[in-house]
């Protein structure tokens, strides 16, 4: 990818601006590498209330509250079909990988999954008091309702 502004410097600037208005700050860090997301979590620990990584569409199993009070997870996961590849019909994705030729990806209509996180924040200081993964599938939802 082409060079861009440093996301760590940009986060510092935006956080300084936003913290003047509220103590509770959510950061959605859309990054490719898990190492970048983990580093951002540590970089913002104690200054952001919640740091949630996104982009890879695969929910991680590392939700935690960092020592400074920031709730963190490397990737929240995705909402979409669990029968495709990252929500796309698997036939086209497999074809692209196997042939190295371009393929048109179409949203898969298979059984869905819902991933996310739930966090509780202390509004007086902006620190997280709890974080929990949310994982629902269509089959579980039908049983629950």
N, C-alpha and C. Protein backbone atom coordinates (compact mmCIF):
# COMPACT_ATOMS: atom_id res chain seq x y z
N UNK A 1 0.84 -1.18 0.00
CA UNK A 1 0.00 0.00 0.00
C UNK A 1 0.89 1.24 0.00
N UNK A 2 0.37 2.34 -0.55
CA UNK A 2 1.16 3.57 -0.55
C UNK A 2 1.34 4.11 0.87
N UNK A 3 2.41 4.87 1.10
CA UNK A 3 2.63 5.43 2.44
C UNK A 3 1.49 6.37 2.83
N UNK A 4 1.15 6.34 4.09
CA UNK A 4 0.11 7.23 4.62
C UNK A 4 0.64 7.89 5.89
N UNK A 5 -0.14 8.79 6.44
CA UNK A 5 0.24 9.39 7.71
C UNK A 5 0.32 8.29 8.77
N UNK A 6 1.13 8.51 9.76
CA UNK A 6 1.31 7.55 10.85
C UNK A 6 0.02 7.43 11.65
N UNK A 7 -0.58 6.23 11.73
CA UNK A 7 -1.84 6.09 12.46
C UNK A 7 -1.68 6.35 13.97
N UNK A 8 -0.49 6.12 14.50
CA UNK A 8 -0.27 6.36 15.92
C UNK A 8 -0.26 7.86 16.23
N UNK A 9 0.41 8.64 15.40
CA UNK A 9 0.39 10.10 15.57
C UNK A 9 -1.02 10.65 15.37
N UNK A 10 -1.71 10.14 14.33
CA UNK A 10 -3.08 10.61 14.06
C UNK A 10 -4.00 10.26 15.22
N UNK A 11 -3.86 9.07 15.78
CA UNK A 11 -4.67 8.68 16.94
C UNK A 11 -4.43 9.63 18.11
N UNK A 12 -3.17 9.98 18.34
CA UNK A 12 -2.84 10.93 19.42
C UNK A 12 -3.54 12.26 19.21
N UNK A 13 -3.48 12.78 17.98
CA UNK A 13 -4.10 14.08 17.68
C UNK A 13 -5.62 14.02 17.84
N UNK A 14 -6.24 12.98 17.31
CA UNK A 14 -7.70 12.86 17.39
C UNK A 14 -8.15 12.63 18.83
N UNK A 15 -7.39 11.83 19.56
CA UNK A 15 -7.75 11.54 20.94
C UNK A 15 -7.69 12.80 21.80
N UNK A 16 -6.68 13.61 21.58
CA UNK A 16 -6.57 14.88 22.32
C UNK A 16 -7.78 15.77 22.06
N UNK A 17 -8.22 15.81 20.81
CA UNK A 17 -9.39 16.62 20.44
C UNK A 17 -10.67 16.06 21.04
N UNK A 18 -10.88 14.77 20.92
CA UNK A 18 -12.12 14.13 21.37
C UNK A 18 -12.24 14.12 22.90
N UNK A 19 -11.11 13.93 23.58
CA UNK A 19 -11.14 13.86 25.05
C UNK A 19 -11.57 15.18 25.69
N UNK A 20 -11.56 16.28 24.92
CA UNK A 20 -12.06 17.56 25.44
C UNK A 20 -13.58 17.54 25.55
N UNK A 21 -14.22 16.64 24.79
CA UNK A 21 -15.68 16.58 24.77
C UNK A 21 -16.26 15.43 25.59
N UNK A 22 -15.50 14.33 25.73
CA UNK A 22 -16.01 13.17 26.45
C UNK A 22 -14.86 12.36 27.03
N UNK A 23 -15.16 11.66 28.10
CA UNK A 23 -14.14 10.78 28.70
C UNK A 23 -14.18 9.39 28.08
N UNK A 24 -15.32 9.00 27.53
CA UNK A 24 -15.49 7.67 26.94
C UNK A 24 -15.20 7.73 25.44
N UNK A 25 -14.14 7.05 25.03
CA UNK A 25 -13.69 7.12 23.64
C UNK A 25 -13.54 5.71 23.08
N UNK A 26 -14.21 5.45 21.96
CA UNK A 26 -14.09 4.18 21.24
C UNK A 26 -13.22 4.39 20.02
N UNK A 27 -12.23 3.53 19.85
CA UNK A 27 -11.37 3.57 18.67
C UNK A 27 -11.57 2.28 17.88
N UNK A 28 -12.00 2.42 16.63
CA UNK A 28 -12.09 1.30 15.69
C UNK A 28 -10.85 1.39 14.81
N UNK A 29 -9.91 0.48 15.01
CA UNK A 29 -8.66 0.53 14.26
C UNK A 29 -8.72 -0.50 13.14
N UNK A 30 -8.93 -0.01 11.94
CA UNK A 30 -9.09 -0.84 10.75
C UNK A 30 -7.71 -1.08 10.15
N UNK A 31 -7.11 -2.22 10.48
CA UNK A 31 -5.74 -2.51 10.05
C UNK A 31 -5.63 -3.96 9.61
N UNK A 32 -4.67 -4.22 8.75
CA UNK A 32 -4.46 -5.57 8.21
C UNK A 32 -3.79 -6.48 9.22
N UNK A 33 -2.68 -6.04 9.78
CA UNK A 33 -1.86 -6.92 10.62
C UNK A 33 -2.32 -6.90 12.08
N UNK A 34 -2.36 -8.07 12.69
CA UNK A 34 -2.71 -8.14 14.11
C UNK A 34 -1.69 -7.39 14.95
N UNK A 35 -0.42 -7.41 14.55
CA UNK A 35 0.61 -6.71 15.32
C UNK A 35 0.33 -5.20 15.38
N UNK A 36 -0.16 -4.63 14.28
CA UNK A 36 -0.50 -3.20 14.27
C UNK A 36 -1.63 -2.92 15.26
N UNK A 37 -2.62 -3.80 15.28
CA UNK A 37 -3.77 -3.59 16.17
C UNK A 37 -3.36 -3.72 17.64
N UNK A 38 -2.55 -4.75 17.92
CA UNK A 38 -2.09 -4.94 19.30
C UNK A 38 -1.26 -3.74 19.75
N UNK A 39 -0.37 -3.28 18.88
CA UNK A 39 0.46 -2.12 19.21
C UNK A 39 -0.40 -0.89 19.49
N UNK A 40 -1.46 -0.69 18.68
CA UNK A 40 -2.34 0.46 18.89
C UNK A 40 -3.06 0.34 20.22
N UNK A 41 -3.49 -0.87 20.57
CA UNK A 41 -4.13 -1.07 21.88
C UNK A 41 -3.22 -0.62 23.02
N UNK A 42 -1.96 -1.05 22.98
CA UNK A 42 -1.00 -0.64 24.02
C UNK A 42 -0.71 0.85 23.94
N UNK A 43 -0.63 1.39 22.74
CA UNK A 43 -0.36 2.81 22.57
C UNK A 43 -1.45 3.68 23.21
N UNK A 44 -2.70 3.22 23.11
CA UNK A 44 -3.82 4.02 23.62
C UNK A 44 -4.29 3.60 25.00
N UNK A 45 -3.64 2.59 25.60
CA UNK A 45 -4.06 2.12 26.92
C UNK A 45 -4.07 3.26 27.93
N UNK A 46 -5.20 3.39 28.60
CA UNK A 46 -5.37 4.43 29.60
C UNK A 46 -5.87 5.75 29.04
N UNK A 47 -5.90 5.86 27.71
CA UNK A 47 -6.38 7.10 27.07
C UNK A 47 -7.67 6.88 26.29
N UNK A 48 -7.84 5.69 25.72
CA UNK A 48 -9.09 5.33 25.04
C UNK A 48 -9.84 4.36 25.94
N UNK A 49 -11.15 4.38 25.89
CA UNK A 49 -11.95 3.47 26.70
C UNK A 49 -11.99 2.08 26.09
N UNK A 50 -12.05 2.04 24.76
CA UNK A 50 -12.19 0.77 24.05
C UNK A 50 -11.46 0.87 22.72
N UNK A 51 -10.61 -0.11 22.42
CA UNK A 51 -9.93 -0.20 21.14
C UNK A 51 -10.35 -1.53 20.52
N UNK A 52 -11.02 -1.43 19.37
CA UNK A 52 -11.52 -2.60 18.66
C UNK A 52 -10.86 -2.66 17.29
N UNK A 53 -10.18 -3.75 17.01
CA UNK A 53 -9.61 -3.94 15.69
C UNK A 53 -10.66 -4.47 14.73
N UNK A 54 -10.56 -4.04 13.48
CA UNK A 54 -11.45 -4.54 12.43
C UNK A 54 -10.63 -4.77 11.17
N UNK A 55 -11.21 -5.39 10.20
CA UNK A 55 -10.71 -5.60 8.85
C UNK A 55 -10.56 -7.07 8.48
N UNK A 56 -10.05 -7.90 9.37
CA UNK A 56 -9.77 -9.28 8.98
C UNK A 56 -11.02 -10.14 8.97
N UNK A 57 -12.09 -9.69 9.58
CA UNK A 57 -13.37 -10.39 9.60
C UNK A 57 -13.37 -11.69 10.39
N UNK A 58 -12.30 -11.96 11.12
CA UNK A 58 -12.23 -13.18 11.93
C UNK A 58 -12.08 -12.74 13.38
N UNK A 59 -13.10 -13.07 14.18
CA UNK A 59 -13.09 -12.63 15.57
C UNK A 59 -11.96 -13.31 16.33
N UNK A 60 -11.23 -12.50 17.08
CA UNK A 60 -10.13 -13.05 17.87
C UNK A 60 -10.60 -13.39 19.28
N UNK A 61 -9.77 -14.13 19.98
CA UNK A 61 -10.13 -14.62 21.31
C UNK A 61 -9.24 -13.97 22.37
N UNK A 62 -9.01 -12.65 22.24
CA UNK A 62 -8.08 -11.98 23.13
C UNK A 62 -8.69 -10.76 23.81
N UNK A 63 -10.00 -10.74 23.96
CA UNK A 63 -10.61 -9.58 24.62
C UNK A 63 -10.08 -9.48 26.05
N UNK A 64 -9.72 -8.25 26.43
CA UNK A 64 -9.11 -8.03 27.73
C UNK A 64 -9.27 -6.57 28.13
N UNK A 65 -9.03 -6.31 29.37
CA UNK A 65 -8.90 -4.93 29.83
C UNK A 65 -7.43 -4.74 30.16
N UNK A 66 -6.80 -3.82 29.44
CA UNK A 66 -5.38 -3.55 29.61
C UNK A 66 -5.15 -2.84 30.95
N UNK A 67 -3.91 -2.84 31.45
CA UNK A 67 -3.63 -2.27 32.79
C UNK A 67 -4.10 -0.83 33.00
N UNK A 68 -4.11 -0.01 31.94
CA UNK A 68 -4.54 1.38 32.09
C UNK A 68 -6.05 1.57 32.02
N UNK A 69 -6.80 0.47 31.85
CA UNK A 69 -8.27 0.56 31.84
C UNK A 69 -8.90 0.60 30.47
N UNK A 70 -8.15 0.28 29.43
CA UNK A 70 -8.70 0.25 28.07
C UNK A 70 -9.15 -1.17 27.73
N UNK A 71 -10.41 -1.32 27.34
CA UNK A 71 -10.90 -2.61 26.85
C UNK A 71 -10.36 -2.79 25.45
N UNK A 72 -9.96 -4.02 25.12
CA UNK A 72 -9.28 -4.27 23.85
C UNK A 72 -9.66 -5.63 23.27
N UNK A 73 -9.78 -5.69 21.92
CA UNK A 73 -9.87 -6.94 21.18
C UNK A 73 -9.22 -6.71 19.82
N UNK A 74 -8.44 -7.68 19.35
CA UNK A 74 -7.70 -7.52 18.09
C UNK A 74 -8.63 -7.44 16.89
N UNK A 75 -9.69 -8.25 16.85
CA UNK A 75 -10.67 -8.13 15.76
C UNK A 75 -12.04 -8.52 16.27
N UNK A 76 -13.01 -7.66 16.02
CA UNK A 76 -14.39 -7.89 16.48
C UNK A 76 -15.09 -8.99 15.70
N UNK A 77 -14.59 -9.30 14.51
CA UNK A 77 -15.24 -10.32 13.68
C UNK A 77 -16.09 -9.68 12.61
N UNK A 78 -17.14 -10.41 12.21
CA UNK A 78 -17.96 -9.90 11.10
C UNK A 78 -19.42 -10.29 11.27
N UNK A 79 -20.24 -9.61 10.52
CA UNK A 79 -21.64 -9.97 10.39
C UNK A 79 -21.83 -10.36 8.93
N UNK A 80 -22.28 -11.57 8.70
CA UNK A 80 -22.47 -12.04 7.33
C UNK A 80 -22.49 -13.55 7.29
N UNK A 81 -22.47 -14.07 6.08
CA UNK A 81 -22.55 -15.51 5.90
C UNK A 81 -21.33 -16.22 6.47
N UNK A 82 -21.58 -17.31 7.16
CA UNK A 82 -20.48 -18.13 7.68
C UNK A 82 -20.18 -19.29 6.74
N UNK A 83 -20.91 -19.38 5.64
CA UNK A 83 -20.71 -20.48 4.70
C UNK A 83 -19.87 -20.08 3.50
N UNK A 84 -19.49 -18.81 3.44
CA UNK A 84 -18.66 -18.32 2.35
C UNK A 84 -17.25 -18.05 2.84
N UNK A 85 -16.56 -17.15 2.16
CA UNK A 85 -15.23 -16.72 2.56
C UNK A 85 -15.32 -15.22 2.87
N UNK A 86 -15.23 -14.90 4.13
CA UNK A 86 -15.37 -13.52 4.60
C UNK A 86 -16.65 -12.87 4.08
N UNK A 87 -17.72 -13.65 4.03
CA UNK A 87 -19.02 -13.14 3.63
C UNK A 87 -19.31 -13.20 2.14
N UNK A 88 -18.34 -13.62 1.35
CA UNK A 88 -18.52 -13.73 -0.11
C UNK A 88 -18.73 -15.19 -0.50
N UNK A 89 -19.42 -15.40 -1.64
CA UNK A 89 -19.61 -16.77 -2.13
C UNK A 89 -18.24 -17.41 -2.33
N UNK A 90 -18.10 -18.61 -1.82
CA UNK A 90 -16.77 -19.24 -1.82
C UNK A 90 -16.29 -19.68 -3.20
N UNK A 91 -17.18 -19.96 -4.14
CA UNK A 91 -16.77 -20.45 -5.46
C UNK A 91 -15.86 -19.44 -6.16
N UNK A 92 -16.25 -18.18 -6.19
CA UNK A 92 -15.45 -17.16 -6.86
C UNK A 92 -14.13 -16.93 -6.14
N UNK A 93 -14.18 -16.92 -4.82
CA UNK A 93 -12.95 -16.70 -4.05
C UNK A 93 -11.96 -17.84 -4.28
N UNK A 94 -12.46 -19.06 -4.24
CA UNK A 94 -11.58 -20.22 -4.49
C UNK A 94 -11.01 -20.17 -5.90
N UNK A 95 -11.82 -19.80 -6.87
CA UNK A 95 -11.36 -19.70 -8.25
C UNK A 95 -10.23 -18.69 -8.37
N UNK A 96 -10.38 -17.54 -7.74
CA UNK A 96 -9.34 -16.51 -7.81
C UNK A 96 -8.04 -17.02 -7.20
N UNK A 97 -8.12 -17.68 -6.07
CA UNK A 97 -6.91 -18.20 -5.43
C UNK A 97 -6.25 -19.29 -6.28
N UNK A 98 -7.05 -20.13 -6.87
CA UNK A 98 -6.49 -21.27 -7.62
C UNK A 98 -5.98 -20.89 -9.00
N UNK A 99 -6.59 -19.88 -9.63
CA UNK A 99 -6.21 -19.53 -11.01
C UNK A 99 -5.40 -18.24 -11.09
N UNK A 100 -5.40 -17.44 -10.03
CA UNK A 100 -4.75 -16.12 -10.00
C UNK A 100 -5.39 -15.15 -10.99
N UNK A 101 -6.60 -15.45 -11.44
CA UNK A 101 -7.33 -14.58 -12.35
C UNK A 101 -8.37 -13.78 -11.57
N UNK A 102 -8.69 -12.58 -12.03
CA UNK A 102 -9.72 -11.79 -11.35
C UNK A 102 -11.06 -12.53 -11.34
N UNK A 103 -11.80 -12.32 -10.27
CA UNK A 103 -13.13 -12.93 -10.16
C UNK A 103 -14.05 -11.93 -9.47
N UNK A 104 -15.28 -11.93 -9.88
CA UNK A 104 -16.26 -11.03 -9.26
C UNK A 104 -16.81 -11.71 -8.01
N UNK A 105 -16.64 -11.03 -6.88
CA UNK A 105 -17.14 -11.57 -5.62
C UNK A 105 -18.58 -11.12 -5.41
N UNK A 106 -19.40 -12.04 -4.96
CA UNK A 106 -20.81 -11.78 -4.70
C UNK A 106 -21.08 -12.14 -3.24
N UNK A 107 -21.87 -11.34 -2.57
CA UNK A 107 -22.21 -11.60 -1.18
C UNK A 107 -22.91 -12.95 -1.08
N UNK A 108 -22.45 -13.78 -0.14
CA UNK A 108 -23.02 -15.11 0.05
C UNK A 108 -24.33 -15.01 0.81
N UNK A 109 -25.27 -15.84 0.44
CA UNK A 109 -26.60 -15.83 1.06
C UNK A 109 -26.78 -16.96 2.06
N UNK A 110 -25.69 -17.60 2.48
CA UNK A 110 -25.78 -18.74 3.41
C UNK A 110 -26.15 -18.31 4.82
N UNK A 111 -26.11 -19.25 5.73
CA UNK A 111 -26.46 -18.99 7.12
C UNK A 111 -25.53 -17.93 7.69
N UNK A 112 -26.10 -17.01 8.47
CA UNK A 112 -25.36 -15.87 8.94
C UNK A 112 -24.73 -16.10 10.30
N UNK A 113 -23.76 -15.23 10.56
CA UNK A 113 -23.15 -15.14 11.88
C UNK A 113 -23.10 -13.66 12.27
N UNK A 114 -23.14 -13.41 13.53
CA UNK A 114 -23.06 -12.05 14.06
C UNK A 114 -21.97 -12.04 15.12
N UNK A 115 -20.93 -11.25 14.88
CA UNK A 115 -19.84 -11.11 15.83
C UNK A 115 -19.76 -9.65 16.27
N UNK A 116 -19.33 -9.45 17.48
CA UNK A 116 -19.13 -8.09 17.98
C UNK A 116 -18.58 -8.15 19.39
N UNK A 117 -18.59 -7.02 20.06
CA UNK A 117 -18.15 -6.96 21.45
C UNK A 117 -19.11 -6.09 22.25
N UNK A 118 -19.16 -6.37 23.52
CA UNK A 118 -19.93 -5.59 24.48
C UNK A 118 -18.94 -5.09 25.52
N UNK A 119 -18.99 -3.82 25.83
CA UNK A 119 -18.10 -3.28 26.85
C UNK A 119 -18.89 -2.40 27.80
N UNK A 120 -18.50 -2.42 29.05
CA UNK A 120 -19.06 -1.51 30.05
C UNK A 120 -17.98 -0.49 30.40
N UNK A 121 -18.39 0.78 30.44
CA UNK A 121 -17.45 1.86 30.70
C UNK A 121 -17.88 2.68 31.92
N UNK A 122 -16.93 3.14 32.67
CA UNK A 122 -17.18 4.03 33.79
C UNK A 122 -17.19 5.46 33.23
N UNK A 123 -18.34 6.09 33.21
CA UNK A 123 -18.47 7.41 32.61
C UNK A 123 -17.73 8.51 33.37
N UNK A 124 -17.38 8.27 34.62
CA UNK A 124 -16.68 9.30 35.39
C UNK A 124 -15.21 9.41 35.00
N UNK A 125 -14.61 8.29 34.57
CA UNK A 125 -13.19 8.34 34.22
C UNK A 125 -12.87 7.77 32.82
N UNK A 126 -13.86 7.22 32.14
CA UNK A 126 -13.67 6.69 30.80
C UNK A 126 -13.01 5.33 30.74
N UNK A 127 -12.78 4.71 31.88
CA UNK A 127 -12.14 3.39 31.89
C UNK A 127 -13.16 2.27 31.71
N UNK A 128 -12.71 1.20 31.09
CA UNK A 128 -13.58 0.04 30.90
C UNK A 128 -13.63 -0.79 32.17
N UNK A 129 -14.80 -1.33 32.44
CA UNK A 129 -14.95 -2.23 33.59
C UNK A 129 -15.24 -3.66 33.14
N UNK A 130 -15.61 -3.84 31.85
CA UNK A 130 -15.88 -5.18 31.34
C UNK A 130 -15.83 -5.17 29.82
N UNK A 131 -15.45 -6.31 29.25
CA UNK A 131 -15.53 -6.52 27.80
C UNK A 131 -15.87 -7.99 27.58
N UNK A 132 -16.74 -8.21 26.61
CA UNK A 132 -17.19 -9.58 26.32
C UNK A 132 -17.43 -9.73 24.82
N UNK A 133 -16.98 -10.84 24.26
CA UNK A 133 -17.26 -11.13 22.85
C UNK A 133 -18.73 -11.49 22.69
N UNK A 134 -19.27 -11.14 21.54
CA UNK A 134 -20.62 -11.57 21.16
C UNK A 134 -20.48 -12.44 19.92
N UNK A 135 -21.02 -13.64 19.97
CA UNK A 135 -20.99 -14.56 18.83
C UNK A 135 -22.35 -15.24 18.74
N UNK A 136 -23.08 -14.91 17.70
CA UNK A 136 -24.38 -15.55 17.45
C UNK A 136 -24.37 -16.13 16.05
N UNK A 137 -25.03 -17.26 15.89
CA UNK A 137 -25.22 -17.81 14.55
C UNK A 137 -26.72 -17.93 14.30
N UNK A 138 -27.06 -18.04 13.03
CA UNK A 138 -28.47 -18.17 12.66
C UNK A 138 -29.12 -19.34 13.38
N UNK A 139 -28.43 -20.47 13.46
CA UNK A 139 -29.00 -21.65 14.13
C UNK A 139 -29.27 -21.38 15.61
N UNK A 140 -28.35 -20.71 16.29
CA UNK A 140 -28.54 -20.39 17.70
C UNK A 140 -29.69 -19.41 17.88
N UNK A 141 -29.77 -18.43 17.00
CA UNK A 141 -30.82 -17.42 17.07
C UNK A 141 -32.20 -18.06 16.92
N UNK A 142 -32.34 -19.00 16.01
CA UNK A 142 -33.62 -19.67 15.80
C UNK A 142 -34.02 -20.47 17.04
N UNK A 143 -33.06 -21.07 17.72
CA UNK A 143 -33.34 -21.83 18.94
C UNK A 143 -33.75 -20.90 20.06
N UNK A 144 -33.11 -19.73 20.15
CA UNK A 144 -33.38 -18.79 21.23
C UNK A 144 -34.74 -18.11 21.09
N UNK A 145 -35.21 -17.87 19.85
CA UNK A 145 -36.44 -17.10 19.71
C UNK A 145 -37.68 -17.93 19.80
